Amino acid sequence: MIKENTMADEMLSTREVAKFLNVNEKMIYSLIAEKGLPASKVTGKWLFPKHLVLQWIEAGTQNFPETAKLPPYHGLVLIAGSNDLLLDKVIATFNMKHKNHMAMFGNAGSMGGLQALKQNLCHIASSHLVSEDKEYNFPFLKDEMQQMPAVVNFCSREQGIIIQRKNPKKIQSVKDLGKKGIKIANRQMGTGTRLLLDRELKKAGIRGETIEGYDSCFTRHMDIGLQVLSGNADAGPGIRPVAGVLGLDFIPICWERFDLLIAKDRFFDQGIQFFLSLLKGKIIQATAEEYGGYDLSMTGKMIYPGPEPESE
């Protein structure tokens, strides 16, 4: 679950951090000076970012238990995270082309995929998490991962609002979702699509819980499209390819970067390399053109680590 905290929620006072650490307030100043307790001085008072305090505690832990490790590669590529029609096609192509290998996908949402990668439950996480400053994935990786994974772009895709054909409810923007008589189908918490919708609603001055259907959550983009197609919802957040496949209308919000996050120690496993090789194949190109709403100009590009600078 992604929770957007306010600054007040994230910062602790000296008294609060002392209580949190179960020490005397005077000890806090020693911990700042001698032990590197994360702190910022604002208008003469110390403030403590709670998430950095937690990281500081974790960094000092002794006899830290090892996380589970994926077994040596034996033909199974495990992918978890955000779902996508084009990714489904590449997975199906991989399974047809490589008979001694199999790719399996766990639909966990972008944040769920990141957590699965962190816990060594998958080889690849698919993610399109965007921060307030419109940076994709990296701010979340820096917060959650002890070691940065390799990041390979899968595609760029168009996000927006899927609406009924010919737009009978005259929905023109996210703001119209707050009008009386509009019912939506929504994505579950932890998905990049839900995060995007919540931010757009906030910008429009709309509280999500006031919208009919806001708490009706579905796990896949196609599920949202089918809810709109069947008339169970007037609109829902999703990607343009779903609207195109189902013959629905679409209100664009933005283009987003959709990445594959890969554990560095498994990057050169045979199955991972077979999978990545499909990103430059004819099938992904033809499918993206058929669906619409995709841009493959960066597909297969290594975003992190980047290329080494050329020596002069």
C-alpha atoms as a PDB file:
ATOM      1  CA  MET A   1       0.000   0.000   0.000  1.00  0.00           C
ATOM      2  CA  ILE A   2       1.270   3.461  -0.872  1.00  0.00           C
ATOM      3  CA  LYS A   3       0.454   6.169   1.650  1.00  0.00           C
ATOM      4  CA  GLU A   4       1.213   9.772   0.856  1.00  0.00           C
ATOM      5  CA  ASN A   5       2.153  11.222   4.232  1.00  0.00           C
ATOM      6  CA  THR A   6       2.229  14.900   5.065  1.00  0.00           C
ATOM      7  CA  MET A   7       5.468  16.457   6.297  1.00  0.00           C
ATOM      8  CA  ALA A   8       4.100  16.466   9.843  1.00  0.00           C
ATOM      9  CA  ASP A   9       3.519  12.727   9.653  1.00  0.00           C
ATOM     10  CA  GLU A  10       7.103  12.076   8.533  1.00  0.00           C
ATOM     11  CA  MET A  11       9.019  14.283  11.003  1.00  0.00           C
ATOM     12  CA  LEU A  12       9.557  13.580  14.712  1.00  0.00           C
ATOM     13  CA  SER A  13      10.413  16.119  17.403  1.00  0.00           C
ATOM     14  CA  THR A  14      13.246  15.526  19.886  1.00  0.00           C
ATOM     15  CA  ARG A  15      10.739  14.338  22.483  1.00  0.00           C
ATOM     16  CA  GLU A  16       9.006  12.043  20.004  1.00  0.00           C
ATOM     17  CA  VAL A  17      12.224  10.462  18.717  1.00  0.00           C
ATOM     18  CA  ALA A  18      13.420   9.945  22.324  1.00  0.00           C
ATOM     19  CA  LYS A  19      10.186   8.133  23.107  1.00  0.00           C
ATOM     20  CA  PHE A  20      10.473   6.177  19.840  1.00  0.00           C
ATOM     21  CA  LEU A  21      14.010   5.029  20.727  1.00  0.00           C
ATOM     22  CA  ASN A  22      13.167   4.612  24.419  1.00  0.00           C
ATOM     23  CA  VAL A  23      16.009   6.846  25.604  1.00  0.00           C
ATOM     24  CA  ASN A  24      16.340  10.078  27.573  1.00  0.00           C
ATOM     25  CA  GLU A  25      15.967  13.285  25.537  1.00  0.00           C
ATOM     26  CA  LYS A  26      19.508  14.360  26.470  1.00  0.00           C
ATOM     27  CA  MET A  27      20.824  11.138  24.914  1.00  0.00           C
ATOM     28  CA  ILE A  28      19.412  12.208  21.549  1.00  0.00           C
ATOM     29  CA  TYR A  29      22.002  14.980  21.176  1.00  0.00           C
ATOM     30  CA  SER A  30      24.805  12.486  21.797  1.00  0.00           C
ATOM     31  CA  LEU A  31      23.342  10.114  19.228  1.00  0.00           C
ATOM     32  CA  ILE A  32      23.295  12.937  16.675  1.00  0.00           C
ATOM     33  CA  ALA A  33      26.918  13.896  17.304  1.00  0.00           C
ATOM     34  CA  GLU A  34      28.488  10.492  17.948  1.00  0.00           C
ATOM     35  CA  LYS A  35      26.291   7.891  16.226  1.00  0.00           C
ATOM     36  CA  GLY A  36      25.027   9.765  13.185  1.00  0.00           C
ATOM     37  CA  LEU A  37      21.341   9.824  14.107  1.00  0.00           C
ATOM     38  CA  PRO A  38      19.678  11.523  11.074  1.00  0.00           C
ATOM     39  CA  ALA A  39      18.429  14.990  12.028  1.00  0.00           C
ATOM     40  CA  SER A  40      17.780  18.434  10.575  1.00  0.00           C
ATOM     41  CA  LYS A  41      17.820  21.729  12.439  1.00  0.00           C
ATOM     42  CA  VAL A  42      14.916  23.993  11.464  1.00  0.00           C
ATOM     43  CA  THR A  43      14.411  27.384  13.156  1.00  0.00           C
ATOM     44  CA  GLY A  44      16.619  26.248  16.025  1.00  0.00           C
ATOM     45  CA  LYS A  45      14.808  22.970  16.657  1.00  0.00           C
ATOM     46  CA  TRP A  46      15.860  19.460  15.746  1.00  0.00           C
ATOM     47  CA  LEU A  47      13.548  17.449  13.481  1.00  0.00           C
ATOM     48  CA  PHE A  48      14.015  13.760  12.662  1.00  0.00           C
ATOM     49  CA  PRO A  49      12.751  12.173   9.401  1.00  0.00           C
ATOM     50  CA  LYS A  50      11.087   9.003  10.667  1.00  0.00           C
ATOM     51  CA  HIS A  51      11.947   6.856   7.633  1.00  0.00           C
ATOM     52  CA  LEU A  52      15.646   7.796   8.002  1.00  0.00           C
ATOM     53  CA  VAL A  53      15.558   6.995  11.719  1.00  0.00           C
ATOM     54  CA  LEU A  54      14.191   3.550  10.852  1.00  0.00           C
ATOM     55  CA  GLN A  55      16.969   3.066   8.272  1.00  0.00           C
ATOM     56  CA  TRP A  56      19.540   4.170  10.860  1.00  0.00           C
ATOM     57  CA  ILE A  57      18.233   1.554  13.311  1.00  0.00           C
ATOM     58  CA  GLU A  58      18.266  -1.129  10.609  1.00  0.00           C
ATOM     59  CA  ALA A  59      21.809  -0.227   9.542  1.00  0.00           C
ATOM     60  CA  GLY A  60      23.020  -0.755  13.106  1.00  0.00           C
ATOM     61  CA  THR A  61      21.369  -4.142  13.517  1.00  0.00           C
ATOM     62  CA  GLN A  62      23.745  -7.010  14.299  1.00  0.00           C
ATOM     63  CA  ASN A  63      23.164 -10.631  13.273  1.00  0.00           C
ATOM     64  CA  PHE A  64      20.671  -9.442  10.666  1.00  0.00           C
ATOM     65  CA  PRO A  65      18.811 -12.473   9.279  1.00  0.00           C
ATOM     66  CA  GLU A  66      19.505 -13.244   5.624  1.00  0.00           C
ATOM     67  CA  THR A  67      16.603 -12.878   3.240  1.00  0.00           C
ATOM     68  CA  ALA A  68      15.453 -15.843   1.227  1.00  0.00           C
ATOM     69  CA  LYS A  69      17.406 -16.438  -1.955  1.00  0.00           C
ATOM     70  CA  LEU A  70      16.055 -17.546  -5.295  1.00  0.00           C
ATOM     71  CA  PRO A  71      17.385 -20.983  -6.271  1.00  0.00           C
ATOM     72  CA  PRO A  72      19.967 -21.230  -9.051  1.00  0.00           C
ATOM     73  CA  TYR A  73      18.349 -20.671 -12.432  1.00  0.00           C
ATOM     74  CA  HIS A  74      16.659 -23.834 -13.659  1.00  0.00           C
ATOM     75  CA  GLY A  75      14.440 -22.597 -16.465  1.00  0.00           C
ATOM     76  CA  LEU A  76      11.846 -20.536 -14.571  1.00  0.00           C
ATOM     77  CA  VAL A  77      11.731 -16.732 -14.928  1.00  0.00           C
ATOM     78  CA  LEU A  78       9.607 -15.136 -12.205  1.00  0.00           C
ATOM     79  CA  ILE A  79       8.148 -11.688 -12.934  1.00  0.00           C
ATOM     80  CA  ALA A  80       6.040  -9.666 -10.491  1.00  0.00           C
ATOM     81  CA  GLY A  81       4.526  -6.209 -10.502  1.00  0.00           C
ATOM     82  CA  SER A  82       2.370  -4.059 -12.743  1.00  0.00           C
ATOM     83  CA  ASN A  83       0.406  -5.808 -15.461  1.00  0.00           C
ATOM     84  CA  ASP A  84       0.369  -4.744 -19.096  1.00  0.00           C
ATOM     85  CA  LEU A  85      -1.109  -6.115 -22.336  1.00  0.00           C
ATOM     86  CA  LEU A  86       2.190  -5.907 -24.193  1.00  0.00           C
ATOM     87  CA  LEU A  87       4.038  -7.590 -21.324  1.00  0.00           C
ATOM     88  CA  ASP A  88       1.465 -10.408 -21.431  1.00  0.00           C
ATOM     89  CA  LYS A  89       2.267 -10.857 -25.135  1.00  0.00           C
ATOM     90  CA  VAL A  90       6.018 -10.979 -24.547  1.00  0.00           C
ATOM     91  CA  ILE A  91       5.586 -13.538 -21.754  1.00  0.00           C
ATOM     92  CA  ALA A  92       3.402 -15.703 -24.017  1.00  0.00           C
ATOM     93  CA  THR A  93       5.967 -15.399 -26.829  1.00  0.00           C
ATOM     94  CA  PHE A  94       8.786 -16.399 -24.489  1.00  0.00           C
ATOM     95  CA  ASN A  95       6.884 -19.500 -23.370  1.00  0.00           C
ATOM     96  CA  MET A  96       6.170 -20.529 -26.957  1.00  0.00           C
ATOM     97  CA  LYS A  97       9.678 -19.888 -28.251  1.00  0.00           C
ATOM     98  CA  HIS A  98      11.764 -21.378 -25.436  1.00  0.00           C
ATOM     99  CA  LYS A  99      10.457 -24.858 -24.696  1.00  0.00           C
ATOM    100  CA  ASN A 100      12.900 -25.549 -21.872  1.00  0.00           C
ATOM    101  CA  HIS A 101      12.094 -22.294 -20.097  1.00  0.00           C
ATOM    102  CA  MET A 102       8.977 -20.725 -18.656  1.00  0.00           C
ATOM    103  CA  ALA A 103       8.094 -17.187 -17.587  1.00  0.00           C
ATOM    104  CA  MET A 104       5.448 -16.735 -14.905  1.00  0.00           C
ATOM    105  CA  PHE A 105       3.848 -13.445 -13.876  1.00  0.00           C
ATOM    106  CA  GLY A 106       2.523 -12.424 -10.464  1.00  0.00           C
ATOM    107  CA  ASN A 107       0.100  -9.501 -10.693  1.00  0.00           C
ATOM    108  CA  ALA A 108       1.100  -7.554  -7.576  1.00  0.00           C
ATOM    109  CA  GLY A 109       1.038  -3.927  -8.729  1.00  0.00           C
ATOM    110  CA  SER A 110       4.164  -1.806  -9.088  1.00  0.00           C
ATOM    111  CA  MET A 111       4.835  -1.516  -5.350  1.00  0.00           C
ATOM    112  CA  GLY A 112       4.125  -5.206  -4.838  1.00  0.00           C
ATOM    113  CA  GLY A 113       6.635  -6.047  -7.559  1.00  0.00           C
ATOM    114  CA  LEU A 114       9.266  -3.858  -5.952  1.00  0.00           C
ATOM    115  CA  GLN A 115       8.673  -5.563  -2.596  1.00  0.00           C
ATOM    116  CA  ALA A 116       8.866  -9.006  -4.224  1.00  0.00           C
ATOM    117  CA  LEU A 117      12.215  -8.081  -5.794  1.00  0.00           C
ATOM    118  CA  LYS A 118      13.474  -6.790  -2.452  1.00  0.00           C
ATOM    119  CA  GLN A 119      12.491 -10.086  -0.783  1.00  0.00           C
ATOM    120  CA  ASN A 120      14.100 -12.196  -3.550  1.00  0.00           C
ATOM    121  CA  LEU A 121      10.741 -13.619  -4.603  1.00  0.00           C
ATOM    122  CA  CYS A 122      11.179 -12.771  -8.289  1.00  0.00           C
ATOM    123  CA  HIS A 123      13.842 -12.162 -10.923  1.00  0.00           C
ATOM    124  CA  ILE A 124      12.138  -9.184 -12.579  1.00  0.00           C
ATOM    125  CA  ALA A 125       9.748  -6.527 -11.252  1.00  0.00           C
ATOM    126  CA  SER A 126       7.634  -4.453 -13.646  1.00  0.00           C
ATOM    127  CA  SER A 127       6.972  -0.938 -12.399  1.00  0.00           C
ATOM    128  CA  HIS A 128       5.799   2.542 -13.391  1.00  0.00           C
ATOM    129  CA  LEU A 129       5.817   4.329 -10.027  1.00  0.00           C
ATOM    130  CA  VAL A 130       6.174   8.091 -10.436  1.00  0.00           C
ATOM    131  CA  SER A 131       7.243  10.581  -7.767  1.00  0.00           C
ATOM    132  CA  GLU A 132       5.978  14.122  -7.244  1.00  0.00           C
ATOM    133  CA  ASP A 133       8.835  15.467  -9.380  1.00  0.00           C
ATOM    134  CA  LYS A 134       7.855  13.072 -12.201  1.00  0.00           C
ATOM    135  CA  GLU A 135      10.850  10.767 -11.786  1.00  0.00           C
ATOM    136  CA  TYR A 136       9.973   7.136 -12.479  1.00  0.00           C
ATOM    137  CA  ASN A 137      10.876   4.270 -10.139  1.00  0.00           C
ATOM    138  CA  PHE A 138      14.241   5.547  -8.860  1.00  0.00           C
ATOM    139  CA  PRO A 139      12.920   7.494  -5.824  1.00  0.00           C
ATOM    140  CA  PHE A 140      11.014   4.385  -4.725  1.00  0.00           C
ATOM    141  CA  LEU A 141      13.998   2.104  -5.331  1.00  0.00           C
ATOM    142  CA  LYS A 142      16.229   4.360  -3.233  1.00  0.00           C
ATOM    143  CA  ASP A 143      13.705   4.238  -0.386  1.00  0.00           C
ATOM    144  CA  GLU A 144      13.018   0.494  -0.510  1.00  0.00           C
ATOM    145  CA  MET A 145      16.027  -1.361  -1.903  1.00  0.00           C
ATOM    146  CA  GLN A 146      19.318  -1.968  -0.126  1.00  0.00           C
ATOM    147  CA  GLN A 147      20.991  -2.562  -3.500  1.00  0.00           C
ATOM    148  CA  MET A 148      19.901  -0.923  -6.730  1.00  0.00           C
ATOM    149  CA  PRO A 149      18.734  -3.394  -9.382  1.00  0.00           C
ATOM    150  CA  ALA A 150      19.428  -3.073 -13.082  1.00  0.00           C
ATOM    151  CA  VAL A 151      16.688  -1.035 -14.787  1.00  0.00           C
ATOM    152  CA  VAL A 152      15.706  -1.783 -18.394  1.00  0.00           C
ATOM    153  CA  ASN A 153      12.943   0.125 -20.145  1.00  0.00           C
ATOM    154  CA  PHE A 154      10.072  -2.018 -21.359  1.00  0.00           C
ATOM    155  CA  CYS A 155       8.016   0.708 -23.023  1.00  0.00           C
ATOM    156  CA  SER A 156       6.365   4.061 -22.675  1.00  0.00           C
ATOM    157  CA  ARG A 157       2.576   3.925 -22.610  1.00  0.00           C
ATOM    158  CA  GLU A 158      -0.312   6.361 -22.421  1.00  0.00           C
ATOM    159  CA  GLN A 159      -2.256   6.537 -19.172  1.00  0.00           C
ATOM    160  CA  GLY A 160      -5.649   8.161 -18.766  1.00  0.00           C
ATOM    161  CA  ILE A 161      -9.336   7.531 -18.165  1.00  0.00           C
ATOM    162  CA  ILE A 162     -11.198   4.783 -20.019  1.00  0.00           C
ATOM    163  CA  ILE A 163     -14.766   5.854 -20.766  1.00  0.00           C
ATOM    164  CA  GLN A 164     -17.779   4.409 -22.547  1.00  0.00           C
ATOM    165  CA  ARG A 165     -17.970   4.632 -26.312  1.00  0.00           C
ATOM    166  CA  LYS A 166     -19.322   7.975 -27.581  1.00  0.00           C
ATOM    167  CA  ASN A 167     -18.966   9.297 -24.008  1.00  0.00           C
ATOM    168  CA  PRO A 168     -22.660   9.396 -22.981  1.00  0.00           C
ATOM    169  CA  LYS A 169     -21.830  10.991 -19.599  1.00  0.00           C
ATOM    170  CA  LYS A 170     -19.847  13.817 -21.274  1.00  0.00           C
ATOM    171  CA  ILE A 171     -16.724  13.193 -19.203  1.00  0.00           C
ATOM    172  CA  GLN A 172     -13.959  15.546 -20.347  1.00  0.00           C
ATOM    173  CA  SER A 173     -11.361  15.320 -17.578  1.00  0.00           C
ATOM    174  CA  VAL A 174     -10.536  13.823 -14.188  1.00  0.00           C
ATOM    175  CA  LYS A 175     -12.470  16.668 -12.584  1.00  0.00           C
ATOM    176  CA  ASP A 176     -15.703  15.356 -14.143  1.00  0.00           C
ATOM    177  CA  LEU A 177     -15.359  12.107 -12.179  1.00  0.00           C
ATOM    178  CA  GLY A 178     -16.556  14.055  -9.152  1.00  0.00           C
ATOM    179  CA  LYS A 179     -19.886  14.935 -10.755  1.00  0.00           C
ATOM    180  CA  LYS A 180     -23.096  13.431  -9.456  1.00  0.00           C
ATOM    181  CA  GLY A 181     -24.199  10.313 -11.328  1.00  0.00           C
ATOM    182  CA  ILE A 182     -20.684   9.231 -12.393  1.00  0.00           C
ATOM    183  CA  LYS A 183     -19.588   5.766 -11.289  1.00  0.00           C
ATOM    184  CA  ILE A 184     -16.049   4.502 -11.687  1.00  0.00           C
ATOM    185  CA  ALA A 185     -14.142   1.238 -11.418  1.00  0.00           C
ATOM    186  CA  ASN A 186     -10.771   1.669  -9.709  1.00  0.00           C
ATOM    187  CA  ARG A 187      -7.377  -0.022  -9.449  1.00  0.00           C
ATOM    188  CA  GLN A 188      -6.142  -1.412  -6.148  1.00  0.00           C
ATOM    189  CA  MET A 189      -3.755   0.387  -3.816  1.00  0.00           C
ATOM    190  CA  GLY A 190      -0.092  -0.204  -4.584  1.00  0.00           C
ATOM    191  CA  THR A 191      -0.489   0.182  -8.344  1.00  0.00           C
ATOM    192  CA  GLY A 192       1.098   3.046 -10.239  1.00  0.00           C
ATOM    193  CA  THR A 193      -2.237   3.692 -11.954  1.00  0.00           C
ATOM    194  CA  ARG A 194      -4.023   4.194  -8.628  1.00  0.00           C
ATOM    195  CA  LEU A 195      -1.238   6.500  -7.438  1.00  0.00           C
ATOM    196  CA  LEU A 196      -1.594   8.569 -10.618  1.00  0.00           C
ATOM    197  CA  LEU A 197      -5.387   8.803 -10.292  1.00  0.00           C
ATOM    198  CA  ASP A 198      -5.198   9.846  -6.640  1.00  0.00           C
ATOM    199  CA  ARG A 199      -2.730  12.597  -7.490  1.00  0.00           C
ATOM    200  CA  GLU A 200      -4.898  13.860 -10.344  1.00  0.00           C
ATOM    201  CA  LEU A 201      -7.967  13.872  -8.081  1.00  0.00           C
ATOM    202  CA  LYS A 202      -6.017  15.794  -5.456  1.00  0.00           C
ATOM    203  CA  LYS A 203      -4.992  18.386  -8.050  1.00  0.00           C
ATOM    204  CA  ALA A 204      -8.653  18.692  -9.075  1.00  0.00           C
ATOM    205  CA  GLY A 205      -9.688  19.200  -5.447  1.00  0.00           C
ATOM    206  CA  ILE A 206     -11.728  15.983  -5.314  1.00  0.00           C
ATOM    207  CA  ARG A 207     -11.749  13.495  -2.444  1.00  0.00           C
ATOM    208  CA  GLY A 208     -11.748  10.032  -3.968  1.00  0.00           C
ATOM    209  CA  GLU A 209     -14.061   8.497  -1.397  1.00  0.00           C
ATOM    210  CA  THR A 210     -16.834  10.865  -2.528  1.00  0.00           C
ATOM    211  CA  ILE A 211     -16.900   9.235  -5.990  1.00  0.00           C
ATOM    212  CA  GLU A 212     -19.249   6.295  -6.494  1.00  0.00           C
ATOM    213  CA  GLY A 213     -17.243   3.136  -7.162  1.00  0.00           C
ATOM    214  CA  TYR A 214     -13.934   4.571  -5.880  1.00  0.00           C
ATOM    215  CA  ASP A 215     -13.583   1.620  -3.475  1.00  0.00           C
ATOM    216  CA  SER A 216     -14.489  -0.967  -6.151  1.00  0.00           C
ATOM    217  CA  CYS A 217     -10.959  -2.140  -6.946  1.00  0.00           C
ATOM    218  CA  PHE A 218      -9.721  -4.416  -9.732  1.00  0.00           C
ATOM    219  CA  THR A 219      -6.333  -6.004 -10.293  1.00  0.00           C
ATOM    220  CA  ARG A 220      -5.846  -5.597 -14.056  1.00  0.00           C
ATOM    221  CA  HIS A 221      -6.179  -2.852 -16.631  1.00  0.00           C
ATOM    222  CA  MET A 222      -8.401  -5.135 -18.689  1.00  0.00           C
ATOM    223  CA  ASP A 223     -10.739  -5.606 -15.716  1.00  0.00           C
ATOM    224  CA  ILE A 224     -11.311  -1.845 -15.653  1.00  0.00           C
ATOM    225  CA  GLY A 225     -12.033  -1.853 -19.373  1.00  0.00           C
ATOM    226  CA  LEU A 226     -14.508  -4.711 -19.053  1.00  0.00           C
ATOM    227  CA  GLN A 227     -16.341  -2.923 -16.232  1.00  0.00           C
ATOM    228  CA  VAL A 228     -16.775   0.109 -18.486  1.00  0.00           C
ATOM    229  CA  LEU A 229     -17.681  -2.008 -21.520  1.00  0.00           C
ATOM    230  CA  SER A 230     -20.369  -3.895 -19.576  1.00  0.00           C
ATOM    231  CA  GLY A 231     -21.899  -0.663 -18.245  1.00  0.00           C
ATOM    232  CA  ASN A 232     -21.028  -1.442 -14.629  1.00  0.00           C
ATOM    233  CA  ALA A 233     -18.930   1.737 -14.585  1.00  0.00           C
ATOM    234  CA  ASP A 234     -18.899   4.973 -16.552  1.00  0.00           C
ATOM    235  CA  ALA A 235     -15.135   5.359 -16.360  1.00  0.00           C
ATOM    236  CA  GLY A 236     -11.948   4.042 -14.804  1.00  0.00           C
ATOM    237  CA  PRO A 237      -8.199   4.712 -14.784  1.00  0.00           C
ATOM    238  CA  GLY A 238      -6.199   2.700 -17.283  1.00  0.00           C
ATOM    239  CA  ILE A 239      -4.053   2.591 -20.386  1.00  0.00           C
ATOM    240  CA  ARG A 240      -5.035   3.506 -23.942  1.00  0.00           C
ATOM    241  CA  PRO A 241      -4.325   0.004 -25.361  1.00  0.00           C
ATOM    242  CA  VAL A 242      -7.194  -1.448 -23.287  1.00  0.00           C
ATOM    243  CA  ALA A 243      -9.593   1.173 -24.626  1.00  0.00           C
ATOM    244  CA  GLY A 244      -8.411   0.434 -28.157  1.00  0.00           C
ATOM    245  CA  VAL A 245      -8.805  -3.326 -27.877  1.00  0.00           C
ATOM    246  CA  LEU A 246     -12.323  -3.025 -26.400  1.00  0.00           C
ATOM    247  CA  GLY A 247     -13.519  -0.233 -28.686  1.00  0.00           C
ATOM    248  CA  LEU A 248     -13.938   2.265 -25.818  1.00  0.00           C
ATOM    249  CA  ASP A 249     -13.108   5.960 -25.697  1.00  0.00           C
ATOM    250  CA  PHE A 250     -10.152   7.377 -23.802  1.00  0.00           C
ATOM    251  CA  ILE A 251      -9.168  10.635 -22.116  1.00  0.00           C
ATOM    252  CA  PRO A 252      -5.354  10.949 -21.992  1.00  0.00           C
ATOM    253  CA  ILE A 253      -3.524  12.147 -18.882  1.00  0.00           C
ATOM    254  CA  CYS A 254       0.145  11.434 -19.567  1.00  0.00           C
ATOM    255  CA  TRP A 255       2.749   9.198 -21.135  1.00  0.00           C
ATOM    256  CA  GLU A 256       4.622   7.131 -18.562  1.00  0.00           C
ATOM    257  CA  ARG A 257       7.806   5.079 -18.442  1.00  0.00           C
ATOM    258  CA  PHE A 258       7.250   1.387 -17.719  1.00  0.00           C
ATOM    259  CA  ASP A 259      10.447  -0.361 -16.589  1.00  0.00           C
ATOM    260  CA  LEU A 260      11.744  -3.815 -15.793  1.00  0.00           C
ATOM    261  CA  LEU A 261      13.751  -3.942 -12.557  1.00  0.00           C
ATOM    262  CA  ILE A 262      16.167  -6.880 -12.519  1.00  0.00           C
ATOM    263  CA  ALA A 263      18.253  -8.249  -9.668  1.00  0.00           C
ATOM    264  CA  LYS A 264      21.877  -7.627 -10.691  1.00  0.00           C
ATOM    265  CA  ASP A 265      23.097 -11.034  -9.560  1.00  0.00           C
ATOM    266  CA  ARG A 266      20.537 -12.707 -11.851  1.00  0.00           C
ATOM    267  CA  PHE A 267      20.816 -10.364 -14.824  1.00  0.00           C
ATOM    268  CA  PHE A 268      22.938 -12.725 -16.915  1.00  0.00           C
ATOM    269  CA  ASP A 269      20.916 -15.854 -16.170  1.00  0.00           C
ATOM    270  CA  GLN A 270      20.085 -17.514 -19.475  1.00  0.00           C
ATOM    271  CA  GLY A 271      16.323 -17.096 -19.171  1.00  0.00           C
ATOM    272  CA  ILE A 272      16.608 -13.415 -18.279  1.00  0.00           C
ATOM    273  CA  GLN A 273      18.734 -12.781 -21.357  1.00  0.00           C
ATOM    274  CA  PHE A 274      16.329 -14.749 -23.563  1.00  0.00           C
ATOM    275  CA  PHE A 275      13.475 -12.631 -22.213  1.00  0.00           C
ATOM    276  CA  LEU A 276      15.283  -9.326 -22.771  1.00  0.00           C
ATOM    277  CA  SER A 277      16.178 -10.344 -26.328  1.00  0.00           C
ATOM    278  CA  LEU A 278      12.465 -10.349 -27.186  1.00  0.00           C
ATOM    279  CA  LEU A 279      12.267  -6.614 -26.466  1.00  0.00           C
ATOM    280  CA  LYS A 280      13.887  -5.900 -29.839  1.00  0.00           C
ATOM    281  CA  GLY A 281      11.907  -8.526 -31.743  1.00  0.00           C
ATOM    282  CA  LYS A 282       9.266  -8.169 -34.454  1.00  0.00           C
ATOM    283  CA  ILE A 283       6.422  -9.520 -32.290  1.00  0.00           C
ATOM    284  CA  ILE A 284       6.581  -6.775 -29.674  1.00  0.00           C
ATOM    285  CA  GLN A 285       6.802  -4.148 -32.413  1.00  0.00           C
ATOM    286  CA  ALA A 286       3.810  -5.545 -34.316  1.00  0.00           C
ATOM    287  CA  THR A 287       1.714  -5.950 -31.159  1.00  0.00           C
ATOM    288  CA  ALA A 288       2.437  -2.417 -29.968  1.00  0.00           C
ATOM    289  CA  GLU A 289       1.392  -1.048 -33.346  1.00  0.00           C
ATOM    290  CA  GLU A 290      -1.794  -3.140 -33.324  1.00  0.00           C
ATOM    291  CA  TYR A 291      -2.841  -2.050 -29.814  1.00  0.00           C
ATOM    292  CA  GLY A 292      -1.809   1.602 -30.026  1.00  0.00           C
ATOM    293  CA  GLY A 293      -0.896   3.727 -27.011  1.00  0.00           C
ATOM    294  CA  TYR A 294       2.692   2.447 -26.868  1.00  0.00           C
ATOM    295  CA  ASP A 295       6.031   4.068 -27.674  1.00  0.00           C
ATOM    296  CA  LEU A 296       8.932   1.632 -28.032  1.00  0.00           C
ATOM    297  CA  SER A 297      11.660   4.162 -28.796  1.00  0.00           C
ATOM    298  CA  MET A 298      13.425   3.341 -25.484  1.00  0.00           C
ATOM    299  CA  THR A 299      12.446  -0.323 -25.269  1.00  0.00           C
ATOM    300  CA  GLY A 300      15.351  -2.543 -24.254  1.00  0.00           C
ATOM    301  CA  LYS A 301      17.521   0.426 -23.247  1.00  0.00           C
ATOM    302  CA  MET A 302      19.559  -0.011 -20.084  1.00  0.00           C
ATOM    303  CA  ILE A 303      18.564   2.929 -17.892  1.00  0.00           C
ATOM    304  CA  TYR A 304      20.593   1.875 -14.843  1.00  0.00           C
ATOM    305  CA  PRO A 305      23.485   1.375 -14.686  1.00  0.00           C
ATOM    306  CA  GLY A 306      23.967   3.778 -17.587  1.00  0.00           C
ATOM    307  CA  PRO A 307      26.768   3.586 -20.136  1.00  0.00           C
ATOM    308  CA  GLU A 308      30.257   4.424 -18.909  1.00  0.00           C
ATOM    309  CA  PRO A 309      31.388   7.918 -19.990  1.00  0.00           C
ATOM    310  CA  GLU A 310      33.898   7.870 -22.823  1.00  0.00           C
ATOM    311  CA  SER A 311      37.442   8.707 -21.804  1.00  0.00           C
ATOM    312  CA  GLU A 312      38.993  11.720 -23.477  1.00  0.00           C
END
